């Protein structure tokens, strides 16, 4: 999995997560693959449903963006790590 650091809680709803992903897309070319370490080979590759419990203790489902490495064929997801 690829974890990214943020001070905003982008997993609070789908719209916030999608906004973050749209801002992250231009940076994807500079992110190394977590398996092979090659830079510039990650591409967007669909979504995967994931359940979260928000701060109000309400379960929400988000479609988490998946990425695919064209070098080693790894498929992984983009998750938030809140600092």
Protein backbone atom coordinates (compact mmCIF):
# COMPACT_ATOMS: atom_id res chain seq x y z
CA UNK A 1 0.00 0.00 0.00
CA UNK A 2 1.06 3.56 -0.59
CA UNK A 3 0.47 5.76 2.44
CA UNK A 4 0.47 9.53 2.14
CA UNK A 5 0.75 12.04 4.96
CA UNK A 6 -1.82 14.77 5.41
CA UNK A 7 -3.11 17.02 8.15
CA UNK A 8 -6.63 16.90 6.66
CA UNK A 9 -8.90 13.92 7.18
CA UNK A 10 -9.58 13.01 3.56
CA UNK A 11 -11.25 9.72 4.52
CA UNK A 12 -14.21 11.57 6.04
CA UNK A 13 -16.23 11.18 2.82
CA UNK A 14 -15.86 10.18 -0.83
CA UNK A 15 -15.81 13.75 -2.10
CA UNK A 16 -12.88 14.72 0.15
CA UNK A 17 -10.96 11.59 -0.83
CA UNK A 18 -11.59 12.16 -4.55
CA UNK A 19 -10.42 15.78 -4.26
CA UNK A 20 -7.19 14.61 -2.68
CA UNK A 21 -6.63 11.95 -5.36
CA UNK A 22 -7.17 14.51 -8.12
CA UNK A 23 -4.51 16.74 -6.54
CA UNK A 24 -2.19 13.74 -6.13
CA UNK A 25 -2.32 12.58 -9.78
CA UNK A 26 0.34 15.05 -11.05
CA UNK A 27 2.71 13.81 -8.32
CA UNK A 28 2.25 10.14 -9.19
CA UNK A 29 5.07 10.26 -11.76
CA UNK A 30 7.56 11.03 -8.97
CA UNK A 31 6.41 8.33 -6.52
CA UNK A 32 8.50 5.14 -6.39
CA UNK A 33 6.79 1.77 -6.53
CA UNK A 34 6.70 0.31 -2.98
CA UNK A 35 7.80 -3.10 -4.33
CA UNK A 36 10.42 -2.50 -7.05
CA UNK A 37 11.35 1.12 -6.25
CA UNK A 38 11.10 2.31 -9.87
CA UNK A 39 9.92 5.89 -10.33
CA UNK A 40 7.42 6.98 -12.97
CA UNK A 41 5.80 3.59 -13.57
CA UNK A 42 2.67 3.91 -11.39
CA UNK A 43 -0.66 4.38 -13.15
CA UNK A 44 -4.24 4.64 -11.86
CA UNK A 45 -5.92 1.23 -11.91
CA UNK A 46 -9.54 1.33 -10.78
CA UNK A 47 -10.95 1.49 -7.26
CA UNK A 48 -11.62 -0.83 -4.34
CA UNK A 49 -14.39 -0.42 -1.71
CA UNK A 50 -13.15 0.04 1.85
CA UNK A 51 -15.10 0.59 5.09
CA UNK A 52 -14.00 3.14 7.68
CA UNK A 53 -15.36 4.25 11.04
CA UNK A 54 -15.31 8.05 11.16
CA UNK A 55 -14.78 10.21 14.25
CA UNK A 56 -18.55 10.15 14.92
CA UNK A 57 -18.37 6.32 15.05
CA UNK A 58 -20.37 6.03 11.82
CA UNK A 59 -19.35 3.43 9.26
CA UNK A 60 -18.71 4.87 5.81
CA UNK A 61 -17.66 3.15 2.62
CA UNK A 62 -15.13 4.79 0.31
CA UNK A 63 -13.91 3.75 -3.10
CA UNK A 64 -10.13 3.74 -2.61
CA UNK A 65 -7.97 4.45 -5.66
CA UNK A 66 -5.76 1.59 -6.81
CA UNK A 67 -2.48 2.03 -8.67
CA UNK A 68 -0.57 -0.40 -10.87
CA UNK A 69 3.18 -0.53 -11.46
CA UNK A 70 3.98 -1.09 -15.13
CA UNK A 71 7.40 -2.47 -14.14
CA UNK A 72 6.73 -5.21 -11.60
CA UNK A 73 2.91 -5.42 -12.07
CA UNK A 74 2.22 -4.65 -8.40
CA UNK A 75 -1.35 -3.48 -7.73
CA UNK A 76 -1.79 -1.47 -4.54
CA UNK A 77 -4.04 1.18 -2.97
CA UNK A 78 -3.58 4.82 -1.96
CA UNK A 79 -4.34 5.38 1.73
CA UNK A 80 -4.14 8.37 3.97
CA UNK A 81 -1.94 8.47 7.06
CA UNK A 82 -3.01 11.40 9.19
CA UNK A 83 -0.15 13.11 11.01
